[in-house]
Amino acid sequence: MGSRQEEETMPAVPPWLEPLLTAAFFTICRRHGDAARSECNMFCLDCGGDAFCFYCRSSRHKDHRAIQIRRSSYHDVVRVSEVDKVLDISGVQTYVINSARVLFLNERPQPKAGKGVAHLCEICGRSLLDPFRFCSLGCKLVGVKTNGNASFNLDGKNTEEVAVERESGGGGGGVSSRRSTSRREEDLRLRGALREDISPSTPPSPPNARRRKGIPHRAPFKS
């Protein structure tokens, strides 16, 4: 009875998530602007305020839950290992960047989907490499608020989506291994289709009508 009441009163969206998605990262800290590590790339889950730098964490958020935000192609990302213990990220596409699995905080504008794309974000329509539902935490937030068929609560995590994430990350045998292999093959096919869409291959040159003869050699004179 108590656990059911806790699930009913548990917020659909953690109070720190929206401040995280709207925070301005990678600005210079006002307090430690002259220091070497003064870039504001940290966020406190307990305070839920603005971004702060490495030195602010040591002085103002020492015993708090803080995560570090990183950049990939001018977009903010966070490591899966830093958020999957406090947030249900199932359904969100993850990527491996610099040997670490990450996910994007907000959606990234995309003019159009490439040819042969099988999976699209339910909110912004961005092409995905795996059968996930969202391209970022921001798109999942919109899905939770509008559709209500997704959740950020760890207790309500969909086991099927968890299995998909594990297969995407590698590991496991049997059926999971076969699914992972087929997904890798599909990813390679998709990436090839995207490359062709961005930069078409050069058409082969037409065959020559005539075949060039070799250099003629005269027979030696007989003595």
N, C-alpha and C. Protein backbone atom coordinates (compact mmCIF):
# COMPACT_ATOMS: atom_id res chain seq x y z
N MET A 1 0.83 -1.19 0.00
CA MET A 1 0.00 0.00 0.00
C MET A 1 0.86 1.24 0.00
N GLY A 2 1.91 1.23 0.83
CA GLY A 2 2.79 2.39 0.92
C GLY A 2 3.54 2.63 -0.37
N SER A 3 4.04 1.53 -0.99
CA SER A 3 4.79 1.69 -2.24
C SER A 3 3.89 2.22 -3.35
N ARG A 4 2.62 1.82 -3.37
CA ARG A 4 1.70 2.31 -4.39
C ARG A 4 1.45 3.81 -4.21
N GLN A 5 1.32 4.25 -2.98
CA GLN A 5 1.13 5.67 -2.73
C GLN A 5 2.37 6.47 -3.13
N GLU A 6 3.56 5.89 -2.90
CA GLU A 6 4.78 6.58 -3.30
C GLU A 6 4.85 6.74 -4.81
N GLU A 7 4.40 5.69 -5.57
CA GLU A 7 4.41 5.79 -7.02
C GLU A 7 3.45 6.85 -7.50
N GLU A 8 2.26 6.97 -6.81
CA GLU A 8 1.28 7.96 -7.22
C GLU A 8 1.77 9.37 -6.95
N THR A 9 2.50 9.58 -5.86
CA THR A 9 2.97 10.92 -5.51
C THR A 9 4.30 11.26 -6.15
N MET A 10 4.97 10.28 -6.76
CA MET A 10 6.26 10.52 -7.38
C MET A 10 6.08 11.40 -8.61
N PRO A 11 6.82 12.49 -8.73
CA PRO A 11 6.65 13.38 -9.89
C PRO A 11 7.06 12.70 -11.18
N ALA A 12 6.32 13.01 -12.26
CA ALA A 12 6.64 12.43 -13.56
C ALA A 12 7.96 12.93 -14.08
N VAL A 13 8.33 14.15 -13.70
CA VAL A 13 9.57 14.77 -14.16
C VAL A 13 10.34 15.24 -12.93
N PRO A 14 11.60 14.83 -12.76
CA PRO A 14 12.39 15.32 -11.62
C PRO A 14 12.48 16.84 -11.64
N PRO A 15 12.46 17.49 -10.49
CA PRO A 15 12.46 18.96 -10.46
C PRO A 15 13.72 19.59 -11.03
N TRP A 16 14.82 18.83 -11.12
CA TRP A 16 16.07 19.39 -11.62
C TRP A 16 16.25 19.21 -13.12
N LEU A 17 15.38 18.44 -13.78
CA LEU A 17 15.61 18.11 -15.19
C LEU A 17 15.43 19.33 -16.10
N GLU A 18 14.34 20.05 -15.95
CA GLU A 18 14.13 21.21 -16.82
C GLU A 18 15.18 22.30 -16.61
N PRO A 19 15.58 22.62 -15.37
CA PRO A 19 16.71 23.54 -15.22
C PRO A 19 17.99 23.05 -15.87
N LEU A 20 18.22 21.73 -15.85
CA LEU A 20 19.40 21.17 -16.52
C LEU A 20 19.34 21.42 -18.02
N LEU A 21 18.18 21.21 -18.62
CA LEU A 21 18.06 21.34 -20.07
C LEU A 21 18.10 22.79 -20.54
N THR A 22 17.79 23.72 -19.67
CA THR A 22 17.77 25.14 -20.06
C THR A 22 19.00 25.90 -19.56
N ALA A 23 19.86 25.25 -18.80
CA ALA A 23 21.04 25.93 -18.25
C ALA A 23 22.03 26.28 -19.37
N ALA A 24 22.74 27.38 -19.17
CA ALA A 24 23.76 27.83 -20.14
C ALA A 24 25.12 27.32 -19.69
N PHE A 25 25.64 26.34 -20.40
CA PHE A 25 26.92 25.74 -20.05
C PHE A 25 28.06 26.35 -20.86
N PHE A 26 29.27 26.13 -20.37
CA PHE A 26 30.52 26.53 -21.03
C PHE A 26 30.67 28.05 -21.13
N THR A 27 30.10 28.75 -20.17
CA THR A 27 30.40 30.16 -20.00
C THR A 27 31.50 30.29 -18.94
N ILE A 28 32.09 31.47 -18.82
CA ILE A 28 33.15 31.69 -17.85
C ILE A 28 32.54 32.05 -16.49
N CYS A 29 33.02 31.37 -15.45
CA CYS A 29 32.50 31.60 -14.11
C CYS A 29 32.83 33.02 -13.64
N ARG A 30 31.86 33.67 -13.05
CA ARG A 30 32.06 35.04 -12.57
C ARG A 30 32.98 35.08 -11.35
N ARG A 31 32.96 34.02 -10.56
CA ARG A 31 33.76 34.00 -9.33
C ARG A 31 35.20 33.58 -9.60
N HIS A 32 35.40 32.73 -10.58
CA HIS A 32 36.73 32.16 -10.81
C HIS A 32 37.17 32.36 -12.26
N GLY A 33 36.89 33.53 -12.80
CA GLY A 33 37.19 33.79 -14.20
C GLY A 33 38.67 33.74 -14.54
N ASP A 34 39.54 34.01 -13.57
CA ASP A 34 40.98 34.01 -13.82
C ASP A 34 41.62 32.64 -13.63
N ALA A 35 40.85 31.67 -13.16
CA ALA A 35 41.41 30.33 -12.91
C ALA A 35 41.48 29.52 -14.19
N ALA A 36 42.24 28.46 -14.16
CA ALA A 36 42.44 27.63 -15.36
C ALA A 36 41.19 26.85 -15.73
N ARG A 37 40.44 26.38 -14.74
CA ARG A 37 39.25 25.57 -15.00
C ARG A 37 37.99 26.33 -14.61
N SER A 38 37.82 27.49 -15.21
CA SER A 38 36.71 28.37 -14.85
C SER A 38 35.49 28.19 -15.75
N GLU A 39 35.51 27.21 -16.62
CA GLU A 39 34.38 26.97 -17.51
C GLU A 39 33.23 26.34 -16.74
N CYS A 40 32.03 26.85 -16.92
CA CYS A 40 30.85 26.35 -16.21
C CYS A 40 30.29 25.13 -16.94
N ASN A 41 30.77 23.96 -16.56
CA ASN A 41 30.32 22.73 -17.18
C ASN A 41 29.81 21.72 -16.16
N MET A 42 29.44 22.19 -14.97
CA MET A 42 28.91 21.34 -13.92
C MET A 42 27.48 21.74 -13.60
N PHE A 43 26.70 20.76 -13.09
CA PHE A 43 25.31 21.03 -12.70
C PHE A 43 24.99 20.21 -11.46
N CYS A 44 24.31 20.85 -10.51
CA CYS A 44 23.96 20.20 -9.23
C CYS A 44 22.53 19.70 -9.28
N LEU A 45 22.34 18.42 -9.05
CA LEU A 45 21.01 17.83 -9.05
C LEU A 45 20.24 18.16 -7.78
N ASP A 46 20.94 18.49 -6.72
CA ASP A 46 20.27 18.83 -5.46
C ASP A 46 19.81 20.28 -5.44
N CYS A 47 20.60 21.18 -6.00
CA CYS A 47 20.24 22.60 -6.02
C CYS A 47 19.38 22.96 -7.24
N GLY A 48 19.71 22.36 -8.39
CA GLY A 48 18.94 22.62 -9.59
C GLY A 48 19.02 24.05 -10.07
N GLY A 49 20.14 24.71 -9.86
CA GLY A 49 20.27 26.11 -10.25
C GLY A 49 21.01 26.26 -11.57
N ASP A 50 21.91 27.24 -11.61
CA ASP A 50 22.68 27.50 -12.82
C ASP A 50 23.90 26.60 -12.88
N ALA A 51 24.53 26.61 -14.04
CA ALA A 51 25.78 25.85 -14.21
C ALA A 51 26.90 26.51 -13.42
N PHE A 52 27.90 25.74 -13.03
CA PHE A 52 29.01 26.27 -12.26
C PHE A 52 30.30 25.56 -12.67
N CYS A 53 31.41 26.05 -12.18
CA CYS A 53 32.71 25.52 -12.58
C CYS A 53 33.25 24.52 -11.56
N PHE A 54 34.42 24.03 -11.84
CA PHE A 54 35.08 23.02 -10.99
C PHE A 54 35.33 23.55 -9.59
N TYR A 55 35.73 24.82 -9.47
CA TYR A 55 36.05 25.39 -8.17
C TYR A 55 34.79 25.65 -7.35
N CYS A 56 33.70 26.00 -8.02
CA CYS A 56 32.43 26.18 -7.30
C CYS A 56 31.94 24.85 -6.73
N ARG A 57 32.19 23.79 -7.41
CA ARG A 57 31.77 22.48 -6.89
C ARG A 57 32.51 22.17 -5.60
N SER A 58 33.79 22.46 -5.56
CA SER A 58 34.58 22.16 -4.36
C SER A 58 34.15 23.00 -3.17
N SER A 59 33.70 24.22 -3.41
CA SER A 59 33.37 25.12 -2.32
C SER A 59 31.90 25.16 -1.96
N ARG A 60 31.01 25.04 -2.95
CA ARG A 60 29.57 25.24 -2.70
C ARG A 60 28.73 23.96 -2.87
N HIS A 61 29.26 22.95 -3.57
CA HIS A 61 28.47 21.74 -3.84
C HIS A 61 29.28 20.49 -3.50
N LYS A 62 30.06 20.57 -2.47
CA LYS A 62 30.99 19.49 -2.14
C LYS A 62 30.29 18.18 -1.87
N ASP A 63 29.20 18.19 -1.11
CA ASP A 63 28.50 16.97 -0.73
C ASP A 63 27.21 16.76 -1.53
N HIS A 64 27.07 17.45 -2.66
CA HIS A 64 25.86 17.35 -3.47
C HIS A 64 26.08 16.41 -4.65
N ARG A 65 24.98 16.04 -5.29
CA ARG A 65 25.05 15.22 -6.50
C ARG A 65 25.28 16.15 -7.69
N ALA A 66 26.46 16.13 -8.23
CA ALA A 66 26.81 16.99 -9.35
C ALA A 66 27.22 16.15 -10.54
N ILE A 67 26.87 16.60 -11.73
CA ILE A 67 27.24 15.91 -12.96
C ILE A 67 28.00 16.90 -13.86
N GLN A 68 28.79 16.35 -14.75
CA GLN A 68 29.58 17.18 -15.67
C GLN A 68 28.99 17.08 -17.07
N ILE A 69 28.85 18.23 -17.71
CA ILE A 69 28.34 18.31 -19.07
C ILE A 69 29.52 18.44 -20.02
N ARG A 70 29.43 17.75 -21.14
CA ARG A 70 30.48 17.78 -22.14
C ARG A 70 29.91 18.26 -23.47
N ARG A 71 30.81 18.51 -24.42
CA ARG A 71 30.40 19.02 -25.73
C ARG A 71 30.74 18.03 -26.83
N SER A 72 29.83 17.89 -27.78
CA SER A 72 30.06 17.10 -28.97
C SER A 72 29.42 17.84 -30.14
N SER A 73 30.26 18.31 -31.08
CA SER A 73 29.78 19.05 -32.25
C SER A 73 28.91 20.24 -31.82
N TYR A 74 29.39 20.97 -30.81
CA TYR A 74 28.74 22.17 -30.30
C TYR A 74 27.39 21.89 -29.64
N HIS A 75 27.15 20.66 -29.25
CA HIS A 75 25.92 20.30 -28.53
C HIS A 75 26.30 19.69 -27.19
N ASP A 76 25.45 19.92 -26.19
CA ASP A 76 25.72 19.46 -24.83
C ASP A 76 25.33 18.00 -24.68
N VAL A 77 26.23 17.21 -24.09
CA VAL A 77 25.96 15.80 -23.84
C VAL A 77 26.33 15.49 -22.40
N VAL A 78 25.82 14.38 -21.90
CA VAL A 78 26.14 13.91 -20.56
C VAL A 78 26.39 12.41 -20.65
N ARG A 79 27.32 11.93 -19.85
CA ARG A 79 27.61 10.50 -19.85
C ARG A 79 26.46 9.71 -19.25
N VAL A 80 26.18 8.58 -19.86
CA VAL A 80 25.11 7.71 -19.36
C VAL A 80 25.39 7.28 -17.93
N SER A 81 26.65 7.00 -17.63
CA SER A 81 27.01 6.53 -16.29
C SER A 81 26.72 7.56 -15.20
N GLU A 82 26.57 8.83 -15.56
CA GLU A 82 26.32 9.87 -14.57
C GLU A 82 24.84 10.12 -14.32
N VAL A 83 23.96 9.66 -15.21
CA VAL A 83 22.54 9.96 -15.05
C VAL A 83 21.64 8.73 -14.96
N ASP A 84 22.14 7.57 -15.39
CA ASP A 84 21.23 6.42 -15.42
C ASP A 84 20.86 5.90 -14.03
N LYS A 85 21.59 6.35 -12.99
CA LYS A 85 21.23 5.95 -11.63
C LYS A 85 20.18 6.84 -11.00
N VAL A 86 19.96 8.01 -11.58
CA VAL A 86 18.99 8.96 -11.01
C VAL A 86 17.85 9.26 -11.97
N LEU A 87 17.94 8.74 -13.20
CA LEU A 87 16.95 9.08 -14.21
C LEU A 87 16.74 7.91 -15.16
N ASP A 88 15.49 7.64 -15.49
CA ASP A 88 15.18 6.60 -16.46
C ASP A 88 15.41 7.18 -17.86
N ILE A 89 16.46 6.73 -18.53
CA ILE A 89 16.79 7.24 -19.85
C ILE A 89 16.39 6.27 -20.95
N SER A 90 15.57 5.27 -20.63
CA SER A 90 15.14 4.31 -21.64
C SER A 90 14.37 5.02 -22.73
N GLY A 91 14.58 4.58 -23.94
CA GLY A 91 13.93 5.18 -25.09
C GLY A 91 14.72 6.30 -25.74
N VAL A 92 15.84 6.72 -25.12
CA VAL A 92 16.65 7.82 -25.65
C VAL A 92 17.87 7.23 -26.36
N GLN A 93 18.13 7.68 -27.57
CA GLN A 93 19.28 7.21 -28.34
C GLN A 93 20.58 7.60 -27.64
N THR A 94 21.49 6.64 -27.52
CA THR A 94 22.80 6.90 -26.94
C THR A 94 23.87 6.73 -28.01
N TYR A 95 25.02 7.34 -27.77
CA TYR A 95 26.13 7.29 -28.72
C TYR A 95 27.43 7.04 -27.94
N VAL A 96 28.43 6.50 -28.63
CA VAL A 96 29.75 6.31 -28.04
C VAL A 96 30.67 7.38 -28.60
N ILE A 97 31.11 8.30 -27.76
CA ILE A 97 31.99 9.39 -28.15
C ILE A 97 33.18 9.38 -27.21
N ASN A 98 34.37 9.32 -27.79
CA ASN A 98 35.61 9.26 -27.00
C ASN A 98 35.57 8.11 -25.98
N SER A 99 35.13 6.95 -26.44
CA SER A 99 35.10 5.71 -25.64
C SER A 99 34.12 5.77 -24.47
N ALA A 100 33.21 6.74 -24.47
CA ALA A 100 32.21 6.85 -23.40
C ALA A 100 30.83 6.93 -24.02
N ARG A 101 29.86 6.22 -23.42
CA ARG A 101 28.49 6.27 -23.92
C ARG A 101 27.80 7.51 -23.37
N VAL A 102 27.26 8.32 -24.26
CA VAL A 102 26.65 9.59 -23.88
C VAL A 102 25.28 9.71 -24.52
N LEU A 103 24.52 10.71 -24.07
CA LEU A 103 23.26 11.08 -24.71
C LEU A 103 23.17 12.60 -24.75
N PHE A 104 22.44 13.12 -25.70
CA PHE A 104 22.32 14.55 -25.89
C PHE A 104 21.23 15.11 -24.96
N LEU A 105 21.47 16.33 -24.48
CA LEU A 105 20.50 16.97 -23.59
C LEU A 105 19.28 17.44 -24.36
N ASN A 106 19.50 18.11 -25.48
CA ASN A 106 18.40 18.68 -26.24
C ASN A 106 18.45 18.24 -27.70
N GLU A 107 17.35 18.45 -28.39
CA GLU A 107 17.28 18.06 -29.79
C GLU A 107 18.24 18.88 -30.64
N ARG A 108 18.66 18.30 -31.75
CA ARG A 108 19.54 18.98 -32.70
C ARG A 108 18.81 19.13 -34.02
N PRO A 109 18.70 20.35 -34.51
CA PRO A 109 17.96 20.57 -35.76
C PRO A 109 18.55 19.75 -36.90
N GLN A 110 17.66 19.19 -37.71
CA GLN A 110 18.08 18.39 -38.85
C GLN A 110 17.21 18.77 -40.05
N PRO A 111 17.81 19.23 -41.16
CA PRO A 111 17.02 19.67 -42.31
C PRO A 111 16.08 18.59 -42.83
N LYS A 112 16.61 17.39 -43.02
CA LYS A 112 15.79 16.29 -43.51
C LYS A 112 16.47 14.98 -43.16
N ALA A 113 15.66 13.95 -43.10
CA ALA A 113 16.21 12.63 -42.79
C ALA A 113 16.87 12.05 -44.03
N GLY A 114 17.93 11.28 -43.82
CA GLY A 114 18.63 10.67 -44.94
C GLY A 114 17.83 9.53 -45.55
N LYS A 115 18.29 9.06 -46.70
CA LYS A 115 17.62 7.96 -47.38
C LYS A 115 17.80 6.66 -46.60
N GLY A 116 16.78 5.86 -46.61
CA GLY A 116 16.85 4.56 -45.96
C GLY A 116 16.81 4.60 -44.45
N VAL A 117 16.37 5.71 -43.84
CA VAL A 117 16.31 5.80 -42.38
C VAL A 117 15.09 5.05 -41.87
N ALA A 118 15.31 4.12 -40.96
CA ALA A 118 14.22 3.29 -40.45
C ALA A 118 13.66 3.80 -39.13
N HIS A 119 14.43 4.59 -38.38
CA HIS A 119 14.00 5.00 -37.05
C HIS A 119 14.08 6.53 -36.94
N LEU A 120 13.01 7.12 -36.42
CA LEU A 120 12.93 8.58 -36.27
C LEU A 120 12.50 8.94 -34.86
N CYS A 121 12.97 10.08 -34.38
CA CYS A 121 12.54 10.58 -33.08
C CYS A 121 11.06 10.93 -33.14
N GLU A 122 10.30 10.52 -32.14
CA GLU A 122 8.87 10.75 -32.13
C GLU A 122 8.50 12.23 -32.02
N ILE A 123 9.42 13.06 -31.52
CA ILE A 123 9.10 14.46 -31.28
C ILE A 123 9.61 15.37 -32.40
N CYS A 124 10.90 15.29 -32.71
CA CYS A 124 11.49 16.22 -33.69
C CYS A 124 11.73 15.58 -35.04
N GLY A 125 11.59 14.25 -35.17
CA GLY A 125 11.76 13.58 -36.45
C GLY A 125 13.20 13.35 -36.85
N ARG A 126 14.14 13.53 -35.94
CA ARG A 126 15.55 13.30 -36.27
C ARG A 126 15.80 11.81 -36.50
N SER A 127 16.64 11.48 -37.47
CA SER A 127 16.96 10.09 -37.75
C SER A 127 17.79 9.49 -36.62
N LEU A 128 17.49 8.25 -36.26
CA LEU A 128 18.17 7.54 -35.20
C LEU A 128 18.84 6.29 -35.76
N LEU A 129 19.91 5.88 -35.11
CA LEU A 129 20.64 4.69 -35.55
C LEU A 129 20.01 3.41 -35.03
N ASP A 130 19.32 3.49 -33.90
CA ASP A 130 18.74 2.32 -33.26
C ASP A 130 17.24 2.54 -33.06
N PRO A 131 16.50 1.48 -32.77
CA PRO A 131 15.04 1.62 -32.58
C PRO A 131 14.67 2.24 -31.25
N PHE A 132 15.16 3.45 -30.99
CA PHE A 132 14.76 4.21 -29.82
C PHE A 132 13.62 5.15 -30.18
N ARG A 133 13.05 5.81 -29.18
CA ARG A 133 11.91 6.69 -29.41
C ARG A 133 12.30 8.16 -29.49
N PHE A 134 13.38 8.53 -28.79
CA PHE A 134 13.73 9.94 -28.70
C PHE A 134 15.22 10.13 -29.00
N CYS A 135 15.55 11.33 -29.50
CA CYS A 135 16.94 11.63 -29.82
C CYS A 135 17.67 12.28 -28.66
N SER A 136 16.95 12.74 -27.64
CA SER A 136 17.57 13.48 -26.55
C SER A 136 16.66 13.45 -25.32
N LEU A 137 17.22 13.91 -24.20
CA LEU A 137 16.40 14.03 -22.98
C LEU A 137 15.30 15.06 -23.15
N GLY A 138 15.60 16.13 -23.89
CA GLY A 138 14.59 17.16 -24.12
C GLY A 138 13.40 16.64 -24.88
N CYS A 139 13.63 15.80 -25.89
CA CYS A 139 12.51 15.24 -26.65
C CYS A 139 11.71 14.25 -25.80
N LYS A 140 12.40 13.50 -24.95
CA LYS A 140 11.66 12.60 -24.07
C LYS A 140 10.82 13.39 -23.07
N LEU A 141 11.34 14.53 -22.62
CA LEU A 141 10.56 15.37 -21.72
C LEU A 141 9.26 15.83 -22.38
N VAL A 142 9.33 16.21 -23.65
CA VAL A 142 8.12 16.60 -24.38
C VAL A 142 7.18 15.41 -24.51
N GLY A 143 7.74 14.22 -24.76
CA GLY A 143 6.91 13.03 -24.86
C GLY A 143 6.22 12.69 -23.56
N VAL A 144 6.92 12.85 -22.44
CA VAL A 144 6.32 12.58 -21.14
C VAL A 144 5.17 13.55 -20.86
N LYS A 145 5.36 14.82 -21.20
CA LYS A 145 4.36 15.84 -20.90
C LYS A 145 3.15 15.76 -21.84
N THR A 146 3.38 15.46 -23.09
CA THR A 146 2.28 15.49 -24.07
C THR A 146 1.55 14.15 -24.19
N ASN A 147 2.32 13.07 -24.29
CA ASN A 147 1.70 11.76 -24.52
C ASN A 147 1.47 10.97 -23.23
N GLY A 148 2.36 11.14 -22.27
CA GLY A 148 2.21 10.41 -21.00
C GLY A 148 2.53 8.94 -21.10
N ASN A 149 3.09 8.48 -22.24
CA ASN A 149 3.40 7.06 -22.39
C ASN A 149 4.89 6.78 -22.20
N ALA A 150 5.57 7.70 -21.51
CA ALA A 150 6.98 7.50 -21.15
C ALA A 150 7.16 8.03 -19.73
N SER A 151 8.27 7.66 -19.12
CA SER A 151 8.49 8.03 -17.73
C SER A 151 9.97 8.23 -17.48
N PHE A 152 10.27 9.12 -16.54
CA PHE A 152 11.64 9.32 -16.08
C PHE A 152 11.89 8.60 -14.77
N ASN A 153 10.87 7.99 -14.18
CA ASN A 153 11.03 7.30 -12.91
C ASN A 153 11.69 5.95 -13.13
N LEU A 154 12.69 5.65 -12.33
CA LEU A 154 13.41 4.39 -12.48
C LEU A 154 12.52 3.20 -12.20
N ASP A 155 11.52 3.34 -11.32
CA ASP A 155 10.64 2.23 -10.98
C ASP A 155 9.75 1.83 -12.14
N GLY A 156 9.47 2.76 -13.04
CA GLY A 156 8.59 2.46 -14.16
C GLY A 156 9.32 2.15 -15.43
N LYS A 157 10.55 1.74 -15.34
CA LYS A 157 11.38 1.50 -16.52
C LYS A 157 10.86 0.32 -17.32
N ASN A 158 10.75 0.51 -18.60
CA ASN A 158 10.26 -0.53 -19.49
C ASN A 158 11.36 -1.55 -19.73
N THR A 159 11.10 -2.80 -19.40
CA THR A 159 12.13 -3.83 -19.50
C THR A 159 12.54 -4.09 -20.95
N GLU A 160 11.60 -3.94 -21.88
CA GLU A 160 11.94 -4.16 -23.29
C GLU A 160 12.91 -3.10 -23.77
N GLU A 161 12.69 -1.84 -23.37
CA GLU A 161 13.59 -0.78 -23.77
C GLU A 161 14.95 -0.93 -23.12
N VAL A 162 14.98 -1.43 -21.89
CA VAL A 162 16.26 -1.69 -21.23
C VAL A 162 17.05 -2.73 -22.01
N ALA A 163 16.36 -3.78 -22.47
CA ALA A 163 17.04 -4.81 -23.25
C ALA A 163 17.61 -4.25 -24.53
N VAL A 164 16.86 -3.34 -25.19
CA VAL A 164 17.35 -2.72 -26.41
C VAL A 164 18.60 -1.92 -26.13
N GLU A 165 18.61 -1.17 -25.01
CA GLU A 165 19.78 -0.37 -24.66
C GLU A 165 20.99 -1.26 -24.41
N ARG A 166 20.79 -2.37 -23.71
CA ARG A 166 21.90 -3.26 -23.41
C ARG A 166 22.46 -3.87 -24.69
N GLU A 167 21.55 -4.26 -25.63
CA GLU A 167 22.02 -4.81 -26.88
C GLU A 167 22.79 -3.77 -27.66
N SER A 168 22.31 -2.53 -27.64
CA SER A 168 22.99 -1.46 -28.36
C SER A 168 24.37 -1.20 -27.79
N GLY A 169 24.51 -1.37 -26.46
CA GLY A 169 25.80 -1.14 -25.82
C GLY A 169 26.75 -2.32 -25.97
N GLY A 170 26.25 -3.45 -26.44
CA GLY A 170 27.12 -4.61 -26.62
C GLY A 170 27.03 -5.53 -25.43
N GLY A 171 27.22 -6.82 -25.67
CA GLY A 171 27.22 -7.81 -24.60
C GLY A 171 26.07 -8.77 -24.74
N GLY A 172 26.10 -9.83 -23.92
CA GLY A 172 25.03 -10.79 -23.94
C GLY A 172 25.22 -11.81 -25.04
N GLY A 173 24.53 -12.93 -24.96
CA GLY A 173 24.64 -13.97 -25.96
C GLY A 173 23.27 -14.41 -26.39
N GLY A 174 23.20 -15.48 -27.22
CA GLY A 174 21.95 -16.03 -27.65
C GLY A 174 21.17 -15.06 -28.52
N VAL A 175 19.86 -14.91 -28.19
CA VAL A 175 18.98 -14.05 -28.96
C VAL A 175 19.46 -12.61 -28.93
N SER A 176 19.91 -12.14 -27.77
CA SER A 176 20.40 -10.76 -27.67
C SER A 176 21.59 -10.54 -28.58
N SER A 177 22.48 -11.53 -28.66
CA SER A 177 23.65 -11.40 -29.51
C SER A 177 23.24 -11.31 -30.97
N ARG A 178 22.27 -12.14 -31.38
CA ARG A 178 21.82 -12.11 -32.77
C ARG A 178 21.16 -10.78 -33.08
N ARG A 179 20.36 -10.25 -32.14
CA ARG A 179 19.73 -8.95 -32.37
C ARG A 179 20.78 -7.85 -32.47
N SER A 180 21.81 -7.93 -31.63
CA SER A 180 22.87 -6.93 -31.68
C SER A 180 23.58 -6.98 -33.02
N THR A 181 23.82 -8.21 -33.53
CA THR A 181 24.50 -8.34 -34.81
C THR A 181 23.66 -7.76 -35.93
N SER A 182 22.36 -8.06 -35.94
CA SER A 182 21.50 -7.51 -36.98
C SER A 182 21.41 -6.00 -36.88
N ARG A 183 21.44 -5.46 -35.64
CA ARG A 183 21.38 -4.01 -35.49
C ARG A 183 22.65 -3.36 -36.00
N ARG A 184 23.81 -4.00 -35.75
CA ARG A 184 25.07 -3.45 -36.26
C ARG A 184 25.08 -3.46 -37.78
N GLU A 185 24.55 -4.54 -38.38
CA GLU A 185 24.48 -4.58 -39.83
C GLU A 185 23.57 -3.49 -40.36
N GLU A 186 22.45 -3.26 -39.67
CA GLU A 186 21.54 -2.21 -40.10
C GLU A 186 22.18 -0.84 -39.95
N ASP A 187 22.95 -0.64 -38.87
CA ASP A 187 23.63 0.64 -38.67
C ASP A 187 24.62 0.91 -39.80
N LEU A 188 25.39 -0.13 -40.18
CA LEU A 188 26.34 0.04 -41.27
C LEU A 188 25.63 0.38 -42.57
N ARG A 189 24.50 -0.28 -42.82
CA ARG A 189 23.74 0.02 -44.03
C ARG A 189 23.20 1.45 -43.97
N LEU A 190 22.71 1.86 -42.79
CA LEU A 190 22.16 3.20 -42.65
C LEU A 190 23.23 4.26 -42.81
N ARG A 191 24.39 4.04 -42.18
CA ARG A 191 25.47 5.02 -42.31
C ARG A 191 25.93 5.14 -43.75
N GLY A 192 25.96 4.00 -44.47
CA GLY A 192 26.32 4.07 -45.87
C GLY A 192 25.31 4.85 -46.68
N ALA A 193 24.01 4.67 -46.35
CA ALA A 193 22.97 5.42 -47.06
C ALA A 193 23.07 6.90 -46.77
N LEU A 194 23.39 7.24 -45.52
CA LEU A 194 23.52 8.65 -45.18
C LEU A 194 24.71 9.27 -45.89
N ARG A 195 25.82 8.54 -45.98
CA ARG A 195 26.98 9.07 -46.68
C ARG A 195 26.67 9.30 -48.15
N GLU A 196 25.92 8.37 -48.76
CA GLU A 196 25.56 8.55 -50.16
C GLU A 196 24.65 9.76 -50.33
N ASP A 197 23.78 9.99 -49.37
CA ASP A 197 22.86 11.12 -49.47
C ASP A 197 23.62 12.44 -49.35
N ILE A 198 24.64 12.49 -48.49
CA ILE A 198 25.39 13.73 -48.29
C ILE A 198 26.40 13.93 -49.40
N SER A 199 27.10 12.89 -49.74
CA SER A 199 28.16 13.01 -50.74
C SER A 199 28.04 11.85 -51.72
N PRO A 200 27.28 12.02 -52.81
CA PRO A 200 27.07 10.90 -53.75
C PRO A 200 28.40 10.41 -54.31
N SER A 201 28.45 9.14 -54.55
CA SER A 201 29.68 8.56 -55.09
C SER A 201 29.88 9.02 -56.53
N THR A 202 31.12 9.11 -56.96
CA THR A 202 31.45 9.55 -58.30
C THR A 202 31.07 8.47 -59.29
N PRO A 203 30.30 8.79 -60.36
CA PRO A 203 29.90 7.75 -61.31
C PRO A 203 31.10 7.20 -62.04
N PRO A 204 31.09 5.92 -62.38
CA PRO A 204 32.24 5.32 -63.07
C PRO A 204 32.42 5.92 -64.45
N SER A 205 33.66 6.06 -64.86
CA SER A 205 33.95 6.63 -66.17
C SER A 205 33.59 5.64 -67.25
N PRO A 206 33.06 6.11 -68.42
CA PRO A 206 32.66 5.19 -69.49
C PRO A 206 33.85 4.45 -70.06
N PRO A 207 33.67 3.21 -70.44
CA PRO A 207 34.78 2.44 -71.00
C PRO A 207 35.23 3.02 -72.33
N ASN A 208 36.50 2.94 -72.62
CA ASN A 208 37.02 3.45 -73.88
C ASN A 208 36.53 2.59 -75.04
N ALA A 209 36.18 3.30 -76.14
CA ALA A 209 35.69 2.56 -77.31
C ALA A 209 36.80 1.74 -77.93
N ARG A 210 37.99 2.32 -77.96
CA ARG A 210 39.12 1.60 -78.53
C ARG A 210 40.12 1.24 -77.44
N ARG A 211 40.76 0.18 -77.65
CA ARG A 211 41.78 -0.23 -76.71
C ARG A 211 43.14 0.17 -77.25
N ARG A 212 43.88 0.91 -76.49
CA ARG A 212 45.15 1.41 -76.96
C ARG A 212 46.13 0.26 -77.15
N LYS A 213 46.78 0.30 -78.31
CA LYS A 213 47.75 -0.75 -78.59
C LYS A 213 49.06 -0.47 -77.87
N GLY A 214 49.82 -1.50 -77.68
CA GLY A 214 51.10 -1.34 -77.04
C GLY A 214 52.14 -0.79 -78.01
N ILE A 215 53.31 -0.51 -77.53
CA ILE A 215 54.38 0.04 -78.36
C ILE A 215 54.88 -1.06 -79.30
N PRO A 216 54.89 -0.77 -80.63
CA PRO A 216 55.32 -1.82 -81.58
C PRO A 216 56.80 -2.12 -81.44
N HIS A 217 57.15 -3.35 -81.59
CA HIS A 217 58.55 -3.79 -81.54
C HIS A 217 58.90 -4.49 -82.86
N ARG A 218 59.95 -4.01 -83.50
CA ARG A 218 60.40 -4.62 -84.75
C ARG A 218 61.27 -5.86 -84.48
N ALA A 219 61.17 -6.77 -85.42
CA ALA A 219 62.01 -7.97 -85.30
C ALA A 219 63.46 -7.61 -85.57
N PRO A 220 64.37 -8.20 -84.86
CA PRO A 220 65.78 -7.89 -85.08
C PRO A 220 66.22 -8.25 -86.51
N PHE A 221 67.15 -7.42 -87.06
CA PHE A 221 67.65 -7.69 -88.42
C PHE A 221 68.51 -8.96 -88.42
N LYS A 222 68.32 -9.70 -89.45
CA LYS A 222 69.13 -10.91 -89.57
C LYS A 222 70.49 -10.55 -90.18
N SER A 223 71.50 -11.11 -89.65
CA SER A 223 72.85 -10.81 -90.15
C SER A 223 73.13 -11.64 -91.39
